[in-house]
Amino acid sequence: MTTTLVAVGGKGSNPKTTLYIGGLEETVNEALLHAAFLPYGEIKDVNIPMDHATGKHRGFGFVDYEDKDDAAAAIDNMHNAELLGRVLKVNFAMPMKIKVTLMH
């Protein structure tokens, strides 16, 4: 058996325009996150992954900008900023990885 990590592309996967937003307060939704990051440029997509077991989000989300300079401006302005009483961690998103297990 061999296990390999594979980088996966997909919706919102451009690391130069997609931001990881950590530290989200539990009532933050995609509309609020969009509004908070819109001042820095045109947004293509906002995604907040949900925990299917609890029905709540997992405390982080992604904002995908049209332009890499806008994404960089959002990091400069929003990293360590406060949203609904929580300090945000804002960085360029890393490509998603999945674990592939091959059976021999």
N, C-alpha and C. Protein backbone atom coordinates (compact mmCIF):
# COMPACT_ATOMS: atom_id res chain seq x y z
N MET A 1 0.85 -1.17 0.00
CA MET A 1 0.00 0.00 0.00
C MET A 1 0.90 1.24 0.00
N THR A 2 0.57 2.21 -0.86
CA THR A 2 1.32 3.44 -0.96
C THR A 2 0.37 4.61 -0.77
N THR A 3 0.77 5.58 0.05
CA THR A 3 -0.04 6.78 0.25
C THR A 3 0.73 7.98 -0.29
N THR A 4 0.04 8.76 -1.12
CA THR A 4 0.66 9.91 -1.76
C THR A 4 -0.23 11.13 -1.58
N LEU A 5 0.37 12.28 -1.33
CA LEU A 5 -0.40 13.53 -1.31
C LEU A 5 -0.35 14.13 -2.70
N VAL A 6 -1.51 14.51 -3.20
CA VAL A 6 -1.61 15.04 -4.55
C VAL A 6 -2.24 16.43 -4.47
N ALA A 7 -1.62 17.41 -5.12
CA ALA A 7 -2.21 18.75 -5.18
C ALA A 7 -3.39 18.70 -6.13
N VAL A 8 -4.47 19.33 -5.74
CA VAL A 8 -5.68 19.31 -6.53
C VAL A 8 -6.11 20.73 -6.84
N GLY A 9 -6.40 21.01 -8.09
CA GLY A 9 -6.94 22.31 -8.47
C GLY A 9 -8.44 22.30 -8.30
N GLY A 10 -9.08 23.30 -8.83
CA GLY A 10 -10.53 23.34 -8.76
C GLY A 10 -11.00 24.74 -8.48
N LYS A 11 -12.26 24.86 -8.15
CA LYS A 11 -12.89 26.15 -7.89
C LYS A 11 -12.10 26.92 -6.83
N GLY A 12 -11.68 28.12 -7.18
CA GLY A 12 -11.00 28.97 -6.22
C GLY A 12 -9.62 28.49 -5.82
N SER A 13 -8.91 27.84 -6.74
CA SER A 13 -7.65 27.23 -6.33
C SER A 13 -6.41 27.99 -6.78
N ASN A 14 -6.53 29.19 -7.34
CA ASN A 14 -5.36 29.94 -7.77
C ASN A 14 -4.70 30.56 -6.54
N PRO A 15 -3.49 30.08 -6.17
CA PRO A 15 -2.87 30.59 -4.95
C PRO A 15 -2.48 32.06 -5.01
N LYS A 16 -2.45 32.66 -6.20
CA LYS A 16 -2.10 34.08 -6.31
C LYS A 16 -3.30 35.00 -6.10
N THR A 17 -4.52 34.46 -6.23
CA THR A 17 -5.72 35.28 -6.07
C THR A 17 -6.65 34.79 -4.97
N THR A 18 -6.40 33.61 -4.45
CA THR A 18 -7.28 33.03 -3.43
C THR A 18 -6.67 33.20 -2.04
N LEU A 19 -7.46 33.74 -1.13
CA LEU A 19 -7.00 33.97 0.23
C LEU A 19 -7.66 33.00 1.20
N TYR A 20 -6.89 32.56 2.17
CA TYR A 20 -7.39 31.80 3.31
C TYR A 20 -7.71 32.81 4.40
N ILE A 21 -8.91 32.73 4.96
CA ILE A 21 -9.32 33.62 6.04
C ILE A 21 -9.61 32.75 7.26
N GLY A 22 -8.77 32.84 8.28
CA GLY A 22 -8.95 32.05 9.49
C GLY A 22 -9.44 32.90 10.65
N GLY A 23 -10.00 32.25 11.66
CA GLY A 23 -10.46 32.94 12.86
C GLY A 23 -11.86 33.50 12.75
N LEU A 24 -12.69 32.93 11.85
CA LEU A 24 -14.04 33.46 11.66
C LEU A 24 -14.93 33.14 12.85
N GLU A 25 -15.67 34.13 13.28
CA GLU A 25 -16.67 33.99 14.34
C GLU A 25 -17.80 33.13 13.78
N GLU A 26 -18.49 32.37 14.63
CA GLU A 26 -19.44 31.36 14.15
C GLU A 26 -20.63 31.91 13.38
N THR A 27 -20.99 33.20 13.55
CA THR A 27 -22.13 33.74 12.81
C THR A 27 -21.75 34.36 11.46
N VAL A 28 -20.45 34.40 11.14
CA VAL A 28 -20.02 34.95 9.85
C VAL A 28 -20.52 34.05 8.73
N ASN A 29 -21.12 34.67 7.71
CA ASN A 29 -21.56 33.92 6.54
C ASN A 29 -20.85 34.46 5.29
N GLU A 30 -21.13 33.85 4.14
CA GLU A 30 -20.44 34.24 2.91
C GLU A 30 -20.75 35.68 2.52
N ALA A 31 -21.97 36.15 2.74
CA ALA A 31 -22.33 37.52 2.39
C ALA A 31 -21.54 38.53 3.23
N LEU A 32 -21.40 38.26 4.52
CA LEU A 32 -20.65 39.16 5.40
C LEU A 32 -19.16 39.15 5.04
N LEU A 33 -18.61 37.97 4.76
CA LEU A 33 -17.21 37.88 4.38
C LEU A 33 -16.96 38.62 3.06
N HIS A 34 -17.88 38.47 2.12
CA HIS A 34 -17.80 39.19 0.84
C HIS A 34 -17.78 40.69 1.08
N ALA A 35 -18.69 41.18 1.91
CA ALA A 35 -18.78 42.62 2.19
C ALA A 35 -17.52 43.13 2.87
N ALA A 36 -16.93 42.34 3.76
CA ALA A 36 -15.73 42.77 4.48
C ALA A 36 -14.51 42.88 3.57
N PHE A 37 -14.45 42.04 2.52
CA PHE A 37 -13.28 42.02 1.65
C PHE A 37 -13.48 42.75 0.33
N LEU A 38 -14.70 43.16 0.02
CA LEU A 38 -15.00 43.86 -1.24
C LEU A 38 -14.26 45.18 -1.41
N PRO A 39 -13.97 45.95 -0.34
CA PRO A 39 -13.26 47.22 -0.55
C PRO A 39 -11.89 47.09 -1.22
N TYR A 40 -11.33 45.89 -1.26
CA TYR A 40 -9.98 45.72 -1.80
C TYR A 40 -9.95 45.26 -3.25
N GLY A 41 -11.11 44.99 -3.84
CA GLY A 41 -11.14 44.62 -5.25
C GLY A 41 -12.30 43.72 -5.61
N GLU A 42 -12.39 43.41 -6.91
CA GLU A 42 -13.45 42.57 -7.45
C GLU A 42 -13.27 41.12 -6.99
N ILE A 43 -14.32 40.57 -6.39
CA ILE A 43 -14.27 39.21 -5.85
C ILE A 43 -14.97 38.25 -6.80
N LYS A 44 -14.30 37.13 -7.10
CA LYS A 44 -14.89 36.09 -7.95
C LYS A 44 -15.76 35.14 -7.14
N ASP A 45 -15.30 34.78 -5.94
CA ASP A 45 -16.00 33.75 -5.17
C ASP A 45 -15.66 33.86 -3.69
N VAL A 46 -16.61 33.48 -2.86
CA VAL A 46 -16.40 33.37 -1.41
C VAL A 46 -16.91 31.99 -1.01
N ASN A 47 -16.13 31.29 -0.20
CA ASN A 47 -16.52 29.94 0.22
C ASN A 47 -16.16 29.76 1.69
N ILE A 48 -17.14 29.31 2.47
CA ILE A 48 -16.91 28.97 3.88
C ILE A 48 -17.31 27.50 4.04
N PRO A 49 -16.32 26.59 4.14
CA PRO A 49 -16.64 25.16 4.26
C PRO A 49 -17.44 24.87 5.54
N MET A 50 -18.42 24.01 5.39
CA MET A 50 -19.28 23.64 6.51
C MET A 50 -18.87 22.28 7.08
N ASP A 51 -19.06 22.13 8.38
CA ASP A 51 -18.90 20.84 9.04
C ASP A 51 -20.26 20.15 8.94
N HIS A 52 -20.32 19.09 8.17
CA HIS A 52 -21.61 18.43 7.93
C HIS A 52 -22.19 17.79 9.19
N ALA A 53 -21.34 17.44 10.14
CA ALA A 53 -21.83 16.83 11.39
C ALA A 53 -22.56 17.84 12.26
N THR A 54 -22.05 19.08 12.32
CA THR A 54 -22.64 20.10 13.20
C THR A 54 -23.54 21.09 12.46
N GLY A 55 -23.36 21.19 11.13
CA GLY A 55 -24.12 22.16 10.35
C GLY A 55 -23.57 23.57 10.46
N LYS A 56 -22.44 23.73 11.15
CA LYS A 56 -21.81 25.04 11.31
C LYS A 56 -20.52 25.07 10.49
N HIS A 57 -20.04 26.30 10.22
CA HIS A 57 -18.77 26.37 9.50
C HIS A 57 -17.62 26.04 10.44
N ARG A 58 -16.46 25.81 9.84
CA ARG A 58 -15.31 25.30 10.58
C ARG A 58 -14.35 26.40 11.03
N GLY A 59 -14.77 27.68 10.94
CA GLY A 59 -13.95 28.77 11.46
C GLY A 59 -13.00 29.38 10.46
N PHE A 60 -13.11 28.96 9.19
CA PHE A 60 -12.26 29.55 8.16
C PHE A 60 -13.03 29.60 6.85
N GLY A 61 -12.50 30.38 5.92
CA GLY A 61 -13.12 30.50 4.61
C GLY A 61 -12.10 30.93 3.58
N PHE A 62 -12.58 31.10 2.36
CA PHE A 62 -11.72 31.49 1.24
C PHE A 62 -12.39 32.62 0.47
N VAL A 63 -11.58 33.60 0.06
CA VAL A 63 -12.03 34.68 -0.80
C VAL A 63 -11.14 34.65 -2.03
N ASP A 64 -11.76 34.58 -3.21
CA ASP A 64 -11.02 34.51 -4.47
C ASP A 64 -11.23 35.81 -5.23
N TYR A 65 -10.15 36.55 -5.43
CA TYR A 65 -10.18 37.83 -6.15
C TYR A 65 -9.95 37.63 -7.64
N GLU A 66 -10.39 38.59 -8.43
CA GLU A 66 -10.12 38.60 -9.87
C GLU A 66 -8.65 38.90 -10.14
N ASP A 67 -8.03 39.74 -9.30
CA ASP A 67 -6.68 40.24 -9.55
C ASP A 67 -5.76 39.96 -8.37
N LYS A 68 -4.53 39.53 -8.66
CA LYS A 68 -3.58 39.19 -7.58
C LYS A 68 -3.18 40.40 -6.75
N ASP A 69 -3.14 41.60 -7.36
CA ASP A 69 -2.80 42.80 -6.60
C ASP A 69 -3.89 43.14 -5.59
N ASP A 70 -5.15 42.90 -5.96
CA ASP A 70 -6.26 43.12 -5.03
C ASP A 70 -6.17 42.14 -3.86
N ALA A 71 -5.81 40.89 -4.16
CA ALA A 71 -5.65 39.89 -3.10
C ALA A 71 -4.54 40.31 -2.14
N ALA A 72 -3.43 40.80 -2.68
CA ALA A 72 -2.32 41.25 -1.84
C ALA A 72 -2.74 42.44 -0.98
N ALA A 73 -3.53 43.36 -1.54
CA ALA A 73 -4.02 44.51 -0.77
C ALA A 73 -4.93 44.05 0.36
N ALA A 74 -5.74 43.04 0.11
CA ALA A 74 -6.62 42.52 1.16
C ALA A 74 -5.80 41.91 2.30
N ILE A 75 -4.73 41.20 1.97
CA ILE A 75 -3.86 40.65 3.02
C ILE A 75 -3.26 41.78 3.84
N ASP A 76 -2.73 42.79 3.15
CA ASP A 76 -2.10 43.92 3.84
C ASP A 76 -3.05 44.62 4.80
N ASN A 77 -4.33 44.70 4.42
CA ASN A 77 -5.30 45.44 5.22
C ASN A 77 -6.09 44.60 6.21
N MET A 78 -6.27 43.31 5.93
CA MET A 78 -7.17 42.50 6.74
C MET A 78 -6.47 41.48 7.65
N HIS A 79 -5.19 41.18 7.41
CA HIS A 79 -4.49 40.25 8.30
C HIS A 79 -4.37 40.91 9.68
N ASN A 80 -4.80 40.21 10.70
CA ASN A 80 -4.84 40.69 12.09
C ASN A 80 -5.88 41.77 12.34
N ALA A 81 -6.78 41.99 11.37
CA ALA A 81 -7.91 42.91 11.59
C ALA A 81 -8.98 42.15 12.38
N GLU A 82 -9.93 42.90 12.93
CA GLU A 82 -10.98 42.30 13.74
C GLU A 82 -12.29 42.29 12.97
N LEU A 83 -13.00 41.16 13.02
CA LEU A 83 -14.33 41.03 12.42
C LEU A 83 -15.22 40.34 13.45
N LEU A 84 -16.26 41.03 13.89
CA LEU A 84 -17.19 40.52 14.91
C LEU A 84 -16.45 40.03 16.16
N GLY A 85 -15.45 40.81 16.57
CA GLY A 85 -14.74 40.51 17.80
C GLY A 85 -13.65 39.45 17.70
N ARG A 86 -13.41 38.93 16.52
CA ARG A 86 -12.37 37.91 16.32
C ARG A 86 -11.27 38.46 15.43
N VAL A 87 -10.02 38.15 15.75
CA VAL A 87 -8.87 38.59 14.94
C VAL A 87 -8.70 37.61 13.78
N LEU A 88 -8.67 38.17 12.57
CA LEU A 88 -8.55 37.35 11.37
C LEU A 88 -7.10 37.03 11.04
N LYS A 89 -6.88 35.86 10.50
CA LYS A 89 -5.60 35.47 9.92
C LYS A 89 -5.84 35.37 8.42
N VAL A 90 -5.16 36.21 7.65
CA VAL A 90 -5.39 36.26 6.20
C VAL A 90 -4.08 36.02 5.48
N ASN A 91 -4.05 34.99 4.66
CA ASN A 91 -2.86 34.62 3.89
C ASN A 91 -3.30 34.09 2.52
N PHE A 92 -2.33 33.99 1.61
CA PHE A 92 -2.63 33.31 0.35
C PHE A 92 -2.95 31.86 0.66
N ALA A 93 -3.98 31.32 0.02
CA ALA A 93 -4.38 29.93 0.24
C ALA A 93 -3.36 28.98 -0.38
N MET A 94 -3.18 27.87 0.28
CA MET A 94 -2.32 26.81 -0.25
C MET A 94 -3.19 25.89 -1.11
N PRO A 95 -2.62 25.29 -2.16
CA PRO A 95 -3.41 24.35 -2.96
C PRO A 95 -3.93 23.21 -2.09
N MET A 96 -5.17 22.82 -2.35
CA MET A 96 -5.77 21.73 -1.59
C MET A 96 -5.05 20.43 -1.92
N LYS A 97 -4.87 19.59 -0.91
CA LYS A 97 -4.22 18.30 -1.12
C LYS A 97 -5.16 17.19 -0.65
N ILE A 98 -5.14 16.11 -1.39
CA ILE A 98 -5.91 14.95 -0.96
C ILE A 98 -4.96 13.77 -0.82
N LYS A 99 -5.35 12.85 0.01
CA LYS A 99 -4.53 11.67 0.24
C LYS A 99 -5.04 10.56 -0.68
N VAL A 100 -4.15 9.97 -1.45
CA VAL A 100 -4.50 8.88 -2.35
C VAL A 100 -3.79 7.62 -1.83
N THR A 101 -4.56 6.59 -1.58
CA THR A 101 -3.98 5.33 -1.12
C THR A 101 -4.16 4.29 -2.21
N LEU A 102 -3.04 3.71 -2.64
CA LEU A 102 -3.06 2.69 -3.69
C LEU A 102 -2.90 1.32 -3.05
N MET A 103 -3.76 0.40 -3.40
CA MET A 103 -3.68 -0.97 -2.89
C MET A 103 -2.97 -1.82 -3.93
N HIS A 104 -2.01 -2.62 -3.50
CA HIS A 104 -1.28 -3.51 -4.42
C HIS A 104 -1.69 -4.94 -4.17
